C-alpha atoms as a PDB file:
ATOM      1  CA  MET A   1     -37.167  -2.238 -35.438  1.00  0.00           C
ATOM      2  CA  ASP A   2     -36.776   1.382 -34.511  1.00  0.00           C
ATOM      3  CA  ILE A   3     -36.396   1.874 -30.644  1.00  0.00           C
ATOM      4  CA  THR A   4     -37.455   4.980 -29.048  1.00  0.00           C
ATOM      5  CA  VAL A   5     -35.810   6.092 -25.650  1.00  0.00           C
ATOM      6  CA  ALA A   6     -37.192   8.752 -23.365  1.00  0.00           C
ATOM      7  CA  ILE A   7     -34.340  10.607 -21.575  1.00  0.00           C
ATOM      8  CA  ASP A   8     -34.938  12.463 -18.303  1.00  0.00           C
ATOM      9  CA  ALA A   9     -32.939  15.275 -19.724  1.00  0.00           C
ATOM     10  CA  MET A  10     -33.026  17.214 -16.481  1.00  0.00           C
ATOM     11  CA  GLY A  11     -31.736  14.527 -14.143  1.00  0.00           C
ATOM     12  CA  GLY A  12     -28.234  14.139 -12.644  1.00  0.00           C
ATOM     13  CA  ASP A  13     -25.746  16.400 -11.304  1.00  0.00           C
ATOM     14  CA  HIS A  14     -25.222  18.023 -14.680  1.00  0.00           C
ATOM     15  CA  GLY A  15     -28.663  17.746 -16.303  1.00  0.00           C
ATOM     16  CA  PRO A  16     -28.886  18.949 -20.099  1.00  0.00           C
ATOM     17  CA  HIS A  17     -25.099  19.815 -20.364  1.00  0.00           C
ATOM     18  CA  VAL A  18     -24.519  16.071 -20.279  1.00  0.00           C
ATOM     19  CA  THR A  19     -27.754  14.382 -21.518  1.00  0.00           C
ATOM     20  CA  VAL A  20     -28.259  16.570 -24.606  1.00  0.00           C
ATOM     21  CA  PRO A  21     -24.712  16.038 -26.210  1.00  0.00           C
ATOM     22  CA  ALA A  22     -24.931  12.402 -25.117  1.00  0.00           C
ATOM     23  CA  ALA A  23     -28.242  12.106 -26.940  1.00  0.00           C
ATOM     24  CA  LEU A  24     -26.967  13.698 -30.147  1.00  0.00           C
ATOM     25  CA  LYS A  25     -23.941  11.527 -30.314  1.00  0.00           C
ATOM     26  CA  PHE A  26     -25.792   8.278 -29.603  1.00  0.00           C
ATOM     27  CA  LEU A  27     -28.155   9.211 -32.322  1.00  0.00           C
ATOM     28  CA  SER A  28     -25.279   9.576 -34.925  1.00  0.00           C
ATOM     29  CA  ASP A  29     -23.855   6.135 -33.976  1.00  0.00           C
ATOM     30  CA  ASN A  30     -27.303   4.520 -33.767  1.00  0.00           C
ATOM     31  CA  PRO A  31     -29.515   4.991 -36.699  1.00  0.00           C
ATOM     32  CA  GLU A  32     -32.269   2.740 -35.660  1.00  0.00           C
ATOM     33  CA  VAL A  33     -32.692   4.676 -32.433  1.00  0.00           C
ATOM     34  CA  ASN A  34     -35.141   7.761 -31.782  1.00  0.00           C
ATOM     35  CA  ILE A  35     -34.814   9.823 -28.700  1.00  0.00           C
ATOM     36  CA  ILE A  36     -37.241  11.926 -26.829  1.00  0.00           C
ATOM     37  CA  LEU A  37     -35.685  14.778 -24.609  1.00  0.00           C
ATOM     38  CA  VAL A  38     -37.916  15.104 -21.585  1.00  0.00           C
ATOM     39  CA  GLY A  39     -37.641  18.467 -19.586  1.00  0.00           C
ATOM     40  CA  LEU A  40     -37.823  22.225 -19.573  1.00  0.00           C
ATOM     41  CA  GLN A  41     -38.252  22.855 -23.229  1.00  0.00           C
ATOM     42  CA  ASP A  42     -36.525  26.281 -23.273  1.00  0.00           C
ATOM     43  CA  ALA A  43     -33.414  24.771 -21.463  1.00  0.00           C
ATOM     44  CA  LEU A  44     -33.266  21.910 -23.893  1.00  0.00           C
ATOM     45  CA  GLU A  45     -33.668  24.143 -26.917  1.00  0.00           C
ATOM     46  CA  VAL A  46     -30.730  26.296 -25.722  1.00  0.00           C
ATOM     47  CA  GLU A  47     -28.410  23.284 -25.402  1.00  0.00           C
ATOM     48  CA  LEU A  48     -29.335  21.996 -28.783  1.00  0.00           C
ATOM     49  CA  LYS A  49     -28.764  25.500 -30.338  1.00  0.00           C
ATOM     50  CA  ALA A  50     -25.336  25.668 -28.599  1.00  0.00           C
ATOM     51  CA  ARG A  51     -24.505  22.441 -30.422  1.00  0.00           C
ATOM     52  CA  ARG A  52     -25.847  23.513 -33.748  1.00  0.00           C
ATOM     53  CA  ALA A  53     -28.524  20.814 -33.466  1.00  0.00           C
ATOM     54  CA  SER A  54     -32.332  20.851 -33.735  1.00  0.00           C
ATOM     55  CA  VAL A  55     -35.300  18.716 -33.241  1.00  0.00           C
ATOM     56  CA  SER A  56     -35.935  16.155 -36.073  1.00  0.00           C
ATOM     57  CA  PRO A  57     -38.021  13.011 -36.788  1.00  0.00           C
ATOM     58  CA  ARG A  58     -35.473  11.043 -34.752  1.00  0.00           C
ATOM     59  CA  LEU A  59     -35.028  13.811 -31.957  1.00  0.00           C
ATOM     60  CA  ARG A  60     -37.872  15.479 -30.278  1.00  0.00           C
ATOM     61  CA  ILE A  61     -38.548  17.538 -27.107  1.00  0.00           C
ATOM     62  CA  HIS A  62     -41.404  16.720 -24.630  1.00  0.00           C
ATOM     63  CA  HIS A  63     -41.800  19.583 -22.325  1.00  0.00           C
ATOM     64  CA  ALA A  64     -42.105  18.658 -18.388  1.00  0.00           C
ATOM     65  CA  SER A  65     -42.460  21.714 -16.135  1.00  0.00           C
ATOM     66  CA  GLU A  66     -40.777  20.270 -12.995  1.00  0.00           C
ATOM     67  CA  VAL A  67     -37.559  18.799 -12.010  1.00  0.00           C
ATOM     68  CA  VAL A  68     -36.876  16.180  -9.214  1.00  0.00           C
ATOM     69  CA  ALA A  69     -33.736  17.219  -7.075  1.00  0.00           C
ATOM     70  CA  MET A  70     -30.963  14.805  -6.525  1.00  0.00           C
ATOM     71  CA  ASP A  71     -31.632  15.123  -2.574  1.00  0.00           C
ATOM     72  CA  GLU A  72     -35.427  15.274  -2.779  1.00  0.00           C
ATOM     73  CA  SER A  73     -37.587  12.947  -0.889  1.00  0.00           C
ATOM     74  CA  PRO A  74     -38.814  10.020  -3.181  1.00  0.00           C
ATOM     75  CA  ALA A  75     -42.505  10.192  -1.679  1.00  0.00           C
ATOM     76  CA  LEU A  76     -42.390  14.189  -2.337  1.00  0.00           C
ATOM     77  CA  ALA A  77     -41.318  13.608  -5.756  1.00  0.00           C
ATOM     78  CA  LEU A  78     -44.081  10.812  -6.357  1.00  0.00           C
ATOM     79  CA  LYS A  79     -46.939  12.780  -4.827  1.00  0.00           C
ATOM     80  CA  SER A  80     -45.970  16.368  -5.605  1.00  0.00           C
ATOM     81  CA  LYS A  81     -44.129  16.510  -8.911  1.00  0.00           C
ATOM     82  CA  LYS A  82     -46.563  14.726 -11.346  1.00  0.00           C
ATOM     83  CA  ASP A  83     -45.052  16.915 -14.277  1.00  0.00           C
ATOM     84  CA  SER A  84     -41.429  16.217 -13.409  1.00  0.00           C
ATOM     85  CA  SER A  85     -39.148  15.209 -16.287  1.00  0.00           C
ATOM     86  CA  MET A  86     -38.492  11.971 -14.500  1.00  0.00           C
ATOM     87  CA  ARG A  87     -42.252  11.095 -14.358  1.00  0.00           C
ATOM     88  CA  VAL A  88     -43.197  12.224 -17.718  1.00  0.00           C
ATOM     89  CA  ALA A  89     -40.386  10.080 -19.189  1.00  0.00           C
ATOM     90  CA  THR A  90     -41.823   7.020 -17.288  1.00  0.00           C
ATOM     91  CA  ASN A  91     -45.286   7.914 -18.499  1.00  0.00           C
ATOM     92  CA  LEU A  92     -43.993   7.740 -22.067  1.00  0.00           C
ATOM     93  CA  VAL A  93     -42.800   4.197 -21.615  1.00  0.00           C
ATOM     94  CA  LYS A  94     -46.262   3.163 -19.970  1.00  0.00           C
ATOM     95  CA  THR A  95     -48.083   4.700 -22.881  1.00  0.00           C
ATOM     96  CA  GLY A  96     -46.016   3.182 -25.391  1.00  0.00           C
ATOM     97  CA  GLU A  97     -44.620   6.235 -27.070  1.00  0.00           C
ATOM     98  CA  ALA A  98     -41.239   5.100 -25.848  1.00  0.00           C
ATOM     99  CA  HIS A  99     -39.676   1.623 -25.462  1.00  0.00           C
ATOM    100  CA  ALA A 100     -37.435   2.658 -22.497  1.00  0.00           C
ATOM    101  CA  SER A 101     -36.411   5.438 -20.291  1.00  0.00           C
ATOM    102  CA  VAL A 102     -33.114   6.524 -18.895  1.00  0.00           C
ATOM    103  CA  SER A 103     -32.344   8.792 -15.979  1.00  0.00           C
ATOM    104  CA  ALA A 104     -29.296  10.065 -14.131  1.00  0.00           C
ATOM    105  CA  GLY A 105     -31.723  11.540 -11.428  1.00  0.00           C
ATOM    106  CA  ASN A 106     -32.477  10.692  -7.803  1.00  0.00           C
ATOM    107  CA  THR A 107     -32.150   6.761  -7.473  1.00  0.00           C
ATOM    108  CA  GLY A 108     -35.033   6.539  -4.810  1.00  0.00           C
ATOM    109  CA  ALA A 109     -37.444   8.840  -6.680  1.00  0.00           C
ATOM    110  CA  LEU A 110     -36.701   6.966  -9.956  1.00  0.00           C
ATOM    111  CA  MET A 111     -37.609   3.615  -8.240  1.00  0.00           C
ATOM    112  CA  ALA A 112     -40.712   4.935  -6.575  1.00  0.00           C
ATOM    113  CA  ILE A 113     -42.114   6.634  -9.503  1.00  0.00           C
ATOM    114  CA  SER A 114     -41.128   3.646 -11.803  1.00  0.00           C
ATOM    115  CA  ARG A 115     -42.853   1.071  -9.555  1.00  0.00           C
ATOM    116  CA  PHE A 116     -45.958   3.305  -9.043  1.00  0.00           C
ATOM    117  CA  VAL A 117     -46.430   4.182 -12.903  1.00  0.00           C
ATOM    118  CA  LEU A 118     -45.323   0.851 -14.678  1.00  0.00           C
ATOM    119  CA  LYS A 119     -46.092  -1.669 -11.796  1.00  0.00           C
ATOM    120  CA  THR A 120     -44.170  -4.985 -11.611  1.00  0.00           C
ATOM    121  CA  LEU A 121     -44.511  -7.927 -13.955  1.00  0.00           C
ATOM    122  CA  PRO A 122     -46.684 -10.873 -12.988  1.00  0.00           C
ATOM    123  CA  GLY A 123     -44.985 -12.962 -10.277  1.00  0.00           C
ATOM    124  CA  ILE A 124     -42.418 -10.266  -9.504  1.00  0.00           C
ATOM    125  CA  GLU A 125     -42.971  -9.040  -5.855  1.00  0.00           C
ATOM    126  CA  ARG A 126     -40.190  -6.122  -6.059  1.00  0.00           C
ATOM    127  CA  PRO A 127     -38.206  -4.592  -8.648  1.00  0.00           C
ATOM    128  CA  ALA A 128     -34.324  -4.847  -8.104  1.00  0.00           C
ATOM    129  CA  ILE A 129     -31.446  -2.670  -9.090  1.00  0.00           C
ATOM    130  CA  ALA A 130     -29.043  -4.684 -11.409  1.00  0.00           C
ATOM    131  CA  LYS A 131     -25.748  -3.546 -12.623  1.00  0.00           C
ATOM    132  CA  ILE A 132     -23.090  -5.274 -15.000  1.00  0.00           C
ATOM    133  CA  MET A 133     -19.625  -5.061 -13.606  1.00  0.00           C
ATOM    134  CA  PRO A 134     -16.271  -5.900 -14.769  1.00  0.00           C
ATOM    135  CA  THR A 135     -14.461  -9.152 -13.477  1.00  0.00           C
ATOM    136  CA  MET A 136     -11.178 -10.940 -14.064  1.00  0.00           C
ATOM    137  CA  THR A 137     -12.931 -13.023 -16.725  1.00  0.00           C
ATOM    138  CA  GLY A 138     -15.260 -10.855 -18.215  1.00  0.00           C
ATOM    139  CA  SER A 139     -18.241  -9.306 -16.324  1.00  0.00           C
ATOM    140  CA  VAL A 140     -20.861 -10.146 -13.662  1.00  0.00           C
ATOM    141  CA  CYS A 141     -24.489  -9.066 -13.185  1.00  0.00           C
ATOM    142  CA  MET A 142     -25.237  -8.149  -9.632  1.00  0.00           C
ATOM    143  CA  LEU A 143     -28.510  -7.565  -7.896  1.00  0.00           C
ATOM    144  CA  ASP A 144     -30.190  -6.077  -5.852  1.00  0.00           C
ATOM    145  CA  LEU A 145     -27.969  -3.034  -5.214  1.00  0.00           C
ATOM    146  CA  GLY A 146     -30.038  -1.234  -3.022  1.00  0.00           C
ATOM    147  CA  ALA A 147     -33.738  -1.108  -3.762  1.00  0.00           C
ATOM    148  CA  ASN A 148     -34.832  -3.731  -1.319  1.00  0.00           C
ATOM    149  CA  VAL A 149     -32.956  -3.812   2.136  1.00  0.00           C
ATOM    150  CA  ASP A 150     -35.093  -6.777   3.586  1.00  0.00           C
ATOM    151  CA  CYS A 151     -36.016  -9.667   1.110  1.00  0.00           C
ATOM    152  CA  THR A 152     -37.628 -13.006   1.382  1.00  0.00           C
ATOM    153  CA  PRO A 153     -36.157 -16.252   0.043  1.00  0.00           C
ATOM    154  CA  GLU A 154     -38.739 -16.124  -2.811  1.00  0.00           C
ATOM    155  CA  GLN A 155     -37.744 -12.625  -3.699  1.00  0.00           C
ATOM    156  CA  LEU A 156     -34.037 -13.637  -3.861  1.00  0.00           C
ATOM    157  CA  VAL A 157     -35.070 -16.372  -6.320  1.00  0.00           C
ATOM    158  CA  GLN A 158     -36.884 -13.790  -8.434  1.00  0.00           C
ATOM    159  CA  PHE A 159     -33.778 -11.615  -8.519  1.00  0.00           C
ATOM    160  CA  GLY A 160     -31.737 -14.750  -9.587  1.00  0.00           C
ATOM    161  CA  ILE A 161     -34.318 -15.176 -12.502  1.00  0.00           C
ATOM    162  CA  MET A 162     -34.201 -11.545 -13.404  1.00  0.00           C
ATOM    163  CA  GLY A 163     -30.279 -11.382 -13.460  1.00  0.00           C
ATOM    164  CA  ALA A 164     -30.012 -14.524 -15.468  1.00  0.00           C
ATOM    165  CA  MET A 165     -32.307 -13.479 -18.132  1.00  0.00           C
ATOM    166  CA  LEU A 166     -30.813 -10.136 -18.422  1.00  0.00           C
ATOM    167  CA  VAL A 167     -27.368 -11.950 -18.910  1.00  0.00           C
ATOM    168  CA  SER A 168     -28.740 -14.386 -21.212  1.00  0.00           C
ATOM    169  CA  ALA A 169     -30.536 -11.738 -23.397  1.00  0.00           C
ATOM    170  CA  VAL A 170     -27.961  -8.817 -23.444  1.00  0.00           C
ATOM    171  CA  GLN A 171     -24.683 -11.027 -23.191  1.00  0.00           C
ATOM    172  CA  HIS A 172     -26.072 -13.920 -25.261  1.00  0.00           C
ATOM    173  CA  LYS A 173     -25.042 -16.591 -22.570  1.00  0.00           C
ATOM    174  CA  PRO A 174     -27.721 -19.264 -22.950  1.00  0.00           C
ATOM    175  CA  ASN A 175     -27.353 -20.734 -19.305  1.00  0.00           C
ATOM    176  CA  PRO A 176     -25.604 -18.111 -16.928  1.00  0.00           C
ATOM    177  CA  THR A 177     -24.340 -19.317 -13.728  1.00  0.00           C
ATOM    178  CA  VAL A 178     -26.035 -17.867 -10.616  1.00  0.00           C
ATOM    179  CA  GLY A 179     -24.380 -17.364  -7.150  1.00  0.00           C
ATOM    180  CA  LEU A 180     -25.907 -16.423  -3.842  1.00  0.00           C
ATOM    181  CA  LEU A 181     -23.694 -13.830  -1.933  1.00  0.00           C
ATOM    182  CA  ASN A 182     -23.013 -15.295   1.445  1.00  0.00           C
ATOM    183  CA  ILE A 183     -20.186 -15.272   4.247  1.00  0.00           C
ATOM    184  CA  GLY A 184     -18.898 -18.744   3.092  1.00  0.00           C
ATOM    185  CA  SER A 185     -19.337 -21.207   0.359  1.00  0.00           C
ATOM    186  CA  GLU A 186     -20.696 -23.979   2.647  1.00  0.00           C
ATOM    187  CA  ASP A 187     -24.378 -24.534   2.521  1.00  0.00           C
ATOM    188  CA  ILE A 188     -24.626 -24.383   6.285  1.00  0.00           C
ATOM    189  CA  LYS A 189     -23.363 -20.695   6.258  1.00  0.00           C
ATOM    190  CA  GLY A 190     -25.484 -17.633   6.346  1.00  0.00           C
ATOM    191  CA  ASN A 191     -28.703 -16.674   8.004  1.00  0.00           C
ATOM    192  CA  GLU A 192     -31.913 -18.470   7.634  1.00  0.00           C
ATOM    193  CA  ILE A 193     -33.165 -16.417   4.658  1.00  0.00           C
ATOM    194  CA  VAL A 194     -30.134 -17.044   2.684  1.00  0.00           C
ATOM    195  CA  LYS A 195     -30.184 -20.749   3.521  1.00  0.00           C
ATOM    196  CA  GLN A 196     -33.860 -20.982   2.493  1.00  0.00           C
ATOM    197  CA  ALA A 197     -33.032 -19.010  -0.767  1.00  0.00           C
ATOM    198  CA  GLY A 198     -30.124 -21.406  -1.541  1.00  0.00           C
ATOM    199  CA  GLU A 199     -32.637 -24.406  -1.320  1.00  0.00           C
ATOM    200  CA  LEU A 200     -35.086 -22.644  -3.549  1.00  0.00           C
ATOM    201  CA  LEU A 201     -32.414 -21.761  -5.988  1.00  0.00           C
ATOM    202  CA  ARG A 202     -31.127 -25.286  -6.304  1.00  0.00           C
ATOM    203  CA  LYS A 203     -34.693 -26.216  -7.225  1.00  0.00           C
ATOM    204  CA  SER A 204     -35.235 -23.372  -9.549  1.00  0.00           C
ATOM    205  CA  GLY A 205     -34.054 -24.752 -12.894  1.00  0.00           C
ATOM    206  CA  LEU A 206     -31.484 -22.020 -13.106  1.00  0.00           C
ATOM    207  CA  ASN A 207     -27.860 -22.904 -13.544  1.00  0.00           C
ATOM    208  CA  TYR A 208     -27.266 -22.379  -9.829  1.00  0.00           C
ATOM    209  CA  TYR A 209     -23.720 -22.445  -8.633  1.00  0.00           C
ATOM    210  CA  GLY A 210     -24.172 -22.257  -4.752  1.00  0.00           C
ATOM    211  CA  ASN A 211     -22.746 -19.613  -2.406  1.00  0.00           C
ATOM    212  CA  VAL A 212     -20.331 -17.260  -3.401  1.00  0.00           C
ATOM    213  CA  GLU A 213     -18.291 -14.846  -1.274  1.00  0.00           C
ATOM    214  CA  GLY A 214     -17.347 -11.231  -1.689  1.00  0.00           C
ATOM    215  CA  ASN A 215     -14.067 -11.988  -3.582  1.00  0.00           C
ATOM    216  CA  ASP A 216     -15.902 -14.121  -6.038  1.00  0.00           C
ATOM    217  CA  ILE A 217     -17.750 -11.065  -7.518  1.00  0.00           C
ATOM    218  CA  TYR A 218     -14.609  -9.862  -9.064  1.00  0.00           C
ATOM    219  CA  LEU A 219     -13.102 -13.115  -9.728  1.00  0.00           C
ATOM    220  CA  GLY A 220     -15.878 -13.877 -12.054  1.00  0.00           C
ATOM    221  CA  THR A 221     -16.980 -17.130 -10.343  1.00  0.00           C
ATOM    222  CA  THR A 222     -20.358 -16.751 -11.711  1.00  0.00           C
ATOM    223  CA  ASP A 223     -22.355 -14.746 -14.251  1.00  0.00           C
ATOM    224  CA  VAL A 224     -25.024 -13.474 -11.765  1.00  0.00           C
ATOM    225  CA  VAL A 225     -24.471 -12.630  -8.001  1.00  0.00           C
ATOM    226  CA  VAL A 226     -27.785 -12.424  -5.984  1.00  0.00           C
ATOM    227  CA  SER A 227     -28.122 -10.573  -2.716  1.00  0.00           C
ATOM    228  CA  ASP A 228     -30.559  -8.497  -0.721  1.00  0.00           C
ATOM    229  CA  GLY A 229     -30.280  -4.766  -1.332  1.00  0.00           C
ATOM    230  CA  PHE A 230     -28.572  -3.867   1.894  1.00  0.00           C
ATOM    231  CA  THR A 231     -25.707  -6.398   1.326  1.00  0.00           C
ATOM    232  CA  GLY A 232     -25.422  -5.615  -2.273  1.00  0.00           C
ATOM    233  CA  ASN A 233     -25.165  -1.807  -1.874  1.00  0.00           C
ATOM    234  CA  VAL A 234     -22.513  -2.171   0.760  1.00  0.00           C
ATOM    235  CA  ALA A 235     -20.477  -4.478  -1.428  1.00  0.00           C
ATOM    236  CA  LEU A 236     -20.940  -2.028  -4.474  1.00  0.00           C
ATOM    237  CA  LYS A 237     -19.984   1.058  -2.479  1.00  0.00           C
ATOM    238  CA  THR A 238     -16.980  -0.703  -0.842  1.00  0.00           C
ATOM    239  CA  SER A 239     -15.574  -1.724  -4.234  1.00  0.00           C
ATOM    240  CA  GLU A 240     -16.076   1.896  -5.482  1.00  0.00           C
ATOM    241  CA  GLY A 241     -14.188   3.285  -2.493  1.00  0.00           C
ATOM    242  CA  LEU A 242     -11.296   0.755  -3.121  1.00  0.00           C
ATOM    243  CA  ALA A 243     -11.100   1.608  -6.747  1.00  0.00           C
ATOM    244  CA  LYS A 244     -10.985   5.243  -6.075  1.00  0.00           C
ATOM    245  CA  MET A 245      -8.297   4.579  -3.284  1.00  0.00           C
ATOM    246  CA  VAL A 246      -5.941   2.530  -5.592  1.00  0.00           C
ATOM    247  CA  GLY A 247      -6.186   5.359  -8.191  1.00  0.00           C
ATOM    248  CA  VAL A 248      -5.225   7.890  -5.613  1.00  0.00           C
ATOM    249  CA  PHE A 249      -2.399   5.914  -4.395  1.00  0.00           C
ATOM    250  CA  LEU A 250      -1.012   5.121  -8.048  1.00  0.00           C
ATOM    251  CA  ARG A 251      -1.041   8.935  -8.848  1.00  0.00           C
ATOM    252  CA  GLU A 252       0.625   9.817  -5.626  1.00  0.00           C
ATOM    253  CA  GLU A 253       3.382   7.197  -5.989  1.00  0.00           C
ATOM    254  CA  PHE A 254       4.210   8.214  -9.646  1.00  0.00           C
ATOM    255  CA  LYS A 255       4.436  11.873  -8.558  1.00  0.00           C
ATOM    256  CA  ARG A 256       6.600  11.203  -5.392  1.00  0.00           C
ATOM    257  CA  ASN A 257       9.919  12.093  -6.986  1.00  0.00           C
ATOM    258  CA  THR A 258      11.896  12.599 -10.305  1.00  0.00           C
ATOM    259  CA  TYR A 259      12.527   8.809 -10.714  1.00  0.00           C
ATOM    260  CA  SER A 260       9.008   7.861 -10.042  1.00  0.00           C
ATOM    261  CA  LYS A 261       7.824  10.334 -12.518  1.00  0.00           C
ATOM    262  CA  LEU A 262      10.115   9.005 -15.068  1.00  0.00           C
ATOM    263  CA  ALA A 263       8.818   5.602 -14.375  1.00  0.00           C
ATOM    264  CA  GLY A 264       5.331   6.818 -14.665  1.00  0.00           C
ATOM    265  CA  ILE A 265       6.018   8.227 -18.187  1.00  0.00           C
ATOM    266  CA  ILE A 266       7.453   4.819 -19.190  1.00  0.00           C
ATOM    267  CA  ALA A 267       4.505   2.932 -17.686  1.00  0.00           C
ATOM    268  CA  PHE A 268       1.877   5.347 -19.116  1.00  0.00           C
ATOM    269  CA  PRO A 269       0.653   3.040 -21.975  1.00  0.00           C
ATOM    270  CA  VAL A 270       0.082   0.109 -19.448  1.00  0.00           C
ATOM    271  CA  LEU A 271      -1.470   2.420 -16.912  1.00  0.00           C
ATOM    272  CA  GLN A 272      -3.850   3.871 -19.598  1.00  0.00           C
ATOM    273  CA  SER A 273      -4.840   0.222 -20.718  1.00  0.00           C
ATOM    274  CA  PHE A 274      -5.445  -0.754 -17.025  1.00  0.00           C
ATOM    275  CA  LYS A 275      -7.499   2.430 -16.689  1.00  0.00           C
ATOM    276  CA  ASP A 276      -9.686   1.540 -19.684  1.00  0.00           C
ATOM    277  CA  ARG A 277     -10.286  -1.903 -18.476  1.00  0.00           C
ATOM    278  CA  VAL A 278     -11.698  -0.909 -15.151  1.00  0.00           C
ATOM    279  CA  ASP A 279     -13.183   2.450 -16.267  1.00  0.00           C
ATOM    280  CA  SER A 280     -16.431   2.524 -14.415  1.00  0.00           C
ATOM    281  CA  ARG A 281     -17.848   4.677 -17.203  1.00  0.00           C
ATOM    282  CA  ARG A 282     -18.041   1.797 -19.667  1.00  0.00           C
ATOM    283  CA  TYR A 283     -20.423   0.076 -17.149  1.00  0.00           C
ATOM    284  CA  ASN A 284     -22.641   3.031 -16.465  1.00  0.00           C
ATOM    285  CA  GLY A 285     -26.342   2.070 -16.393  1.00  0.00           C
ATOM    286  CA  ALA A 286     -28.088   0.156 -13.618  1.00  0.00           C
ATOM    287  CA  SER A 287     -31.359  -1.649 -14.769  1.00  0.00           C
ATOM    288  CA  LEU A 288     -34.543  -1.461 -12.757  1.00  0.00           C
ATOM    289  CA  LEU A 289     -35.510  -5.072 -13.395  1.00  0.00           C
ATOM    290  CA  GLY A 290     -38.975  -6.541 -12.741  1.00  0.00           C
ATOM    291  CA  LEU A 291     -41.034  -3.640 -14.070  1.00  0.00           C
ATOM    292  CA  ARG A 292     -43.503  -3.623 -17.051  1.00  0.00           C
ATOM    293  CA  GLY A 293     -40.956  -1.518 -18.909  1.00  0.00           C
ATOM    294  CA  VAL A 294     -37.437  -0.890 -19.326  1.00  0.00           C
ATOM    295  CA  VAL A 295     -35.983   1.796 -17.122  1.00  0.00           C
ATOM    296  CA  VAL A 296     -32.086   2.303 -16.738  1.00  0.00           C
ATOM    297  CA  LYS A 297     -30.506   4.593 -14.139  1.00  0.00           C
ATOM    298  CA  SER A 298     -27.414   6.391 -14.926  1.00  0.00           C
ATOM    299  CA  HIS A 299     -24.950   7.388 -12.202  1.00  0.00           C
ATOM    300  CA  GLY A 300     -25.842  10.813 -11.105  1.00  0.00           C
ATOM    301  CA  GLY A 301     -22.198  12.240 -11.888  1.00  0.00           C
ATOM    302  CA  ALA A 302     -22.009  10.611 -15.274  1.00  0.00           C
ATOM    303  CA  ASP A 303     -20.290  12.505 -18.071  1.00  0.00           C
ATOM    304  CA  GLU A 304     -21.294  12.460 -21.625  1.00  0.00           C
ATOM    305  CA  PHE A 305     -19.230   9.296 -22.510  1.00  0.00           C
ATOM    306  CA  ALA A 306     -20.816   7.299 -19.485  1.00  0.00           C
ATOM    307  CA  PHE A 307     -24.381   8.416 -20.082  1.00  0.00           C
ATOM    308  CA  ARG A 308     -24.047   7.081 -23.756  1.00  0.00           C
ATOM    309  CA  TYR A 309     -23.335   3.630 -22.107  1.00  0.00           C
ATOM    310  CA  ALA A 310     -26.468   3.921 -19.940  1.00  0.00           C
ATOM    311  CA  LEU A 311     -28.337   4.533 -23.234  1.00  0.00           C
ATOM    312  CA  GLY A 312     -26.929   1.644 -24.962  1.00  0.00           C
ATOM    313  CA  GLN A 313     -27.817  -0.641 -21.805  1.00  0.00           C
ATOM    314  CA  ALA A 314     -31.568   0.475 -22.365  1.00  0.00           C
ATOM    315  CA  VAL A 315     -31.451  -0.242 -26.188  1.00  0.00           C
ATOM    316  CA  GLU A 316     -30.011  -3.559 -25.655  1.00  0.00           C
ATOM    317  CA  GLU A 317     -32.469  -4.611 -23.117  1.00  0.00           C
ATOM    318  CA  VAL A 318     -35.295  -3.586 -25.574  1.00  0.00           C
ATOM    319  CA  ARG A 319     -33.641  -5.129 -28.519  1.00  0.00           C
ATOM    320  CA  ASN A 320     -33.154  -8.568 -26.851  1.00  0.00           C
ATOM    321  CA  LYS A 321     -36.699  -8.532 -25.107  1.00  0.00           C
ATOM    322  CA  VAL A 322     -35.506  -8.683 -21.556  1.00  0.00           C
ATOM    323  CA  LEU A 323     -38.998  -8.125 -20.289  1.00  0.00           C
ATOM    324  CA  HIS A 324     -40.411 -11.075 -22.222  1.00  0.00           C
ATOM    325  CA  ARG A 325     -37.854 -13.388 -21.206  1.00  0.00           C
ATOM    326  CA  ILE A 326     -38.152 -12.467 -17.350  1.00  0.00           C
ATOM    327  CA  ALA A 327     -41.878 -12.785 -17.737  1.00  0.00           C
ATOM    328  CA  GLU A 328     -41.671 -16.227 -19.434  1.00  0.00           C
ATOM    329  CA  LYS A 329     -39.111 -17.718 -16.913  1.00  0.00           C
ATOM    330  CA  ILE A 330     -41.247 -16.384 -13.859  1.00  0.00           C
ATOM    331  CA  ALA A 331     -44.327 -18.028 -15.213  1.00  0.00           C
ATOM    332  CA  GLU A 332     -42.435 -21.333 -15.630  1.00  0.00           C
ATOM    333  CA  GLN A 333     -41.082 -21.148 -12.043  1.00  0.00           C
ATOM    334  CA  PHE A 334     -44.239 -20.049 -10.264  1.00  0.00           C
ATOM    335  CA  PRO A 335     -47.764 -21.360 -10.948  1.00  0.00           C
ATOM    336  CA  PRO A 336     -50.148 -19.069 -12.879  1.00  0.00           C
ATOM    337  CA  SER A 337     -52.376 -18.431  -9.833  1.00  0.00           C
ATOM    338  CA  LYS A 338     -49.393 -17.506  -7.628  1.00  0.00           C
ATOM    339  CA  ALA A 339     -48.407 -15.127 -10.542  1.00  0.00           C
ATOM    340  CA  GLU A 340     -51.819 -13.614 -10.836  1.00  0.00           C
ATOM    341  CA  THR A 341     -52.000 -13.263  -7.004  1.00  0.00           C
ATOM    342  CA  ALA A 342     -48.611 -11.578  -6.920  1.00  0.00           C
ATOM    343  CA  ASP A 343     -49.752  -9.228  -9.799  1.00  0.00           C
END
């Protein structure tokens, strides 16, 4: 089927300078996809003209008169900017004009707007931010990465289900393993919430591995790692900082003297291969799971190459019916009456 993606074309650090060319390239590579560019019509038309492109049956502009700033209060964006490009793109998903929306804008505002407009799936108490990250053995889906600072054991189980269904659908793993992030692998470790979540996960019917520690994330011990948003966000930002430090140190060492520069030239193919394997742009796109619609958050500083990966993530979720899989699994896990109450 044709898949339509609504893009918050004004969001992110670069706005249309990145979103428009990324959309054009993505369209050329994916003939089954249609795109709606949402934002200031004049600005978007200028960007299209600069690239000798124009609207077409597969690419159209939907005007939105307001833009959510990257540092804007989520509450202010939700209440005062009802015609923002972020809000309008989300509305297009709600009305069915688009199958998914993608934004590089303010994360807090995107979560607040998406939750208000789309609501959560039956049985899901809170949506979570999930991201696919590289590991030594392939990749891992980690959630939550900042949407929910405090979580109940039941919510952590819901995150486990959502993450497992995402991996099962998009990566075609029929029975992905799920780990619970903790300070030790033993069942007696962790606070009471984590201990209770572990007990519930063991009874959940998921392929529950048990507790995993921080180093297990990149070792690829499990396919899914579950945590509360506070811990998950700290782990993510720590790993991003470490990766940046390693890159800086490598560049400094290879520029230290004539011999190290020569060594750098010789090692360039290996270094380039290493860079490609860990290139964060290839893993751009965090999913806001648990909503009644597909919403993907691109990194705010994403370039054209990275933004295309966020678009790809959204399309894969739609194509592989991630929402249906999550709803079906949640209904199996929780009695219908409970799901209706949560709804």
